[in-house]
Amino acid sequence: MEQVFAIYGNVLEVDADGEVLNDGDAQYRAAQWIRRSCDPTYEVEPPFQAWETELHGP
């Protein structure tokens, strides 16, 4: 679950006014992680990049 939130947060883009610009894209990338976790034959396309899956500490 931590990785799902990390991917969602890392992919999400917010403009200077606090408006979310790509909620659907962030949801899709997080969903790809979940699907890959449940189905090892599923291939994420495009593959995850390191910045997408990076966990940030407090």
C-alpha atoms as a PDB file:
ATOM      1  CA  MET A   1       0.000   0.000   0.000  1.00  0.00           C
ATOM      2  CA  GLU A   2       2.902   2.334   0.770  1.00  0.00           C
ATOM      3  CA  GLN A   3       4.235   1.901  -2.755  1.00  0.00           C
ATOM      4  CA  VAL A   4       0.828   2.670  -4.271  1.00  0.00           C
ATOM      5  CA  PHE A   5       0.650   5.982  -2.400  1.00  0.00           C
ATOM      6  CA  ALA A   6       4.262   6.764  -3.328  1.00  0.00           C
ATOM      7  CA  ILE A   7       3.583   6.236  -7.033  1.00  0.00           C
ATOM      8  CA  TYR A   8       0.365   8.251  -6.907  1.00  0.00           C
ATOM      9  CA  GLY A   9       2.042  11.131  -5.068  1.00  0.00           C
ATOM     10  CA  ASN A  10       5.150  11.128  -7.235  1.00  0.00           C
ATOM     11  CA  VAL A  11       3.211  11.134 -10.508  1.00  0.00           C
ATOM     12  CA  LEU A  12       0.580  13.672  -9.415  1.00  0.00           C
ATOM     13  CA  GLU A  13       1.108  17.186 -10.780  1.00  0.00           C
ATOM     14  CA  VAL A  14      -0.306  20.257  -9.026  1.00  0.00           C
ATOM     15  CA  ASP A  15      -0.101  23.794 -10.410  1.00  0.00           C
ATOM     16  CA  ALA A  16       0.779  26.954  -8.498  1.00  0.00           C
ATOM     17  CA  ASP A  17      -2.886  27.467  -7.581  1.00  0.00           C
ATOM     18  CA  GLY A  18      -3.186  24.000  -6.065  1.00  0.00           C
ATOM     19  CA  GLU A  19      -5.176  22.585  -8.963  1.00  0.00           C
ATOM     20  CA  VAL A  20      -4.493  18.938  -9.790  1.00  0.00           C
ATOM     21  CA  LEU A  21      -3.485  18.539 -13.427  1.00  0.00           C
ATOM     22  CA  ASN A  22      -3.271  14.780 -13.962  1.00  0.00           C
ATOM     23  CA  ASP A  23      -5.259  12.824 -11.388  1.00  0.00           C
ATOM     24  CA  GLY A  24      -6.218  10.186 -13.945  1.00  0.00           C
ATOM     25  CA  ASP A  25      -2.603   9.557 -14.937  1.00  0.00           C
ATOM     26  CA  ALA A  26      -1.521   9.214 -11.307  1.00  0.00           C
ATOM     27  CA  GLN A  27      -4.380   6.806 -10.591  1.00  0.00           C
ATOM     28  CA  TYR A  28      -3.531   4.726 -13.658  1.00  0.00           C
ATOM     29  CA  ARG A  29       0.149   4.359 -12.711  1.00  0.00           C
ATOM     30  CA  ALA A  30      -0.777   3.341  -9.151  1.00  0.00           C
ATOM     31  CA  ALA A  31      -3.301   0.845 -10.537  1.00  0.00           C
ATOM     32  CA  GLN A  32      -0.597  -0.645 -12.748  1.00  0.00           C
ATOM     33  CA  TRP A  33       1.480  -1.368  -9.624  1.00  0.00           C
ATOM     34  CA  ILE A  34      -1.491  -3.089  -7.982  1.00  0.00           C
ATOM     35  CA  ARG A  35      -2.220  -5.153 -11.079  1.00  0.00           C
ATOM     36  CA  ARG A  36       1.420  -6.207 -11.400  1.00  0.00           C
ATOM     37  CA  SER A  37       1.382  -7.250  -7.734  1.00  0.00           C
ATOM     38  CA  CYS A  38      -1.672  -9.439  -8.348  1.00  0.00           C
ATOM     39  CA  ASP A  39      -0.736 -10.716 -11.811  1.00  0.00           C
ATOM     40  CA  PRO A  40       2.968 -11.443 -12.313  1.00  0.00           C
ATOM     41  CA  THR A  41       2.408 -11.903 -16.067  1.00  0.00           C
ATOM     42  CA  TYR A  42       1.199  -8.280 -16.439  1.00  0.00           C
ATOM     43  CA  GLU A  43       3.841  -6.026 -17.962  1.00  0.00           C
ATOM     44  CA  VAL A  44       3.731  -2.371 -16.969  1.00  0.00           C
ATOM     45  CA  GLU A  45       3.981  -0.158 -20.037  1.00  0.00           C
ATOM     46  CA  PRO A  46       5.910   2.050 -19.947  1.00  0.00           C
ATOM     47  CA  PRO A  47       8.041   0.485 -17.211  1.00  0.00           C
ATOM     48  CA  PHE A  48       8.205   2.371 -13.924  1.00  0.00           C
ATOM     49  CA  GLN A  49      11.034   4.850 -13.632  1.00  0.00           C
ATOM     50  CA  ALA A  50      12.974   5.219 -10.376  1.00  0.00           C
ATOM     51  CA  TRP A  51      11.441   8.633  -9.588  1.00  0.00           C
ATOM     52  CA  GLU A  52       7.929   7.162  -9.772  1.00  0.00           C
ATOM     53  CA  THR A  53       8.562   4.499  -7.149  1.00  0.00           C
ATOM     54  CA  GLU A  54      10.838   6.490  -4.836  1.00  0.00           C
ATOM     55  CA  LEU A  55       9.741   6.536  -1.206  1.00  0.00           C
ATOM     56  CA  HIS A  56      10.259   9.781   0.690  1.00  0.00           C
ATOM     57  CA  GLY A  57      10.835   9.870   4.428  1.00  0.00           C
ATOM     58  CA  PRO A  58       9.232  12.239   6.905  1.00  0.00           C
END
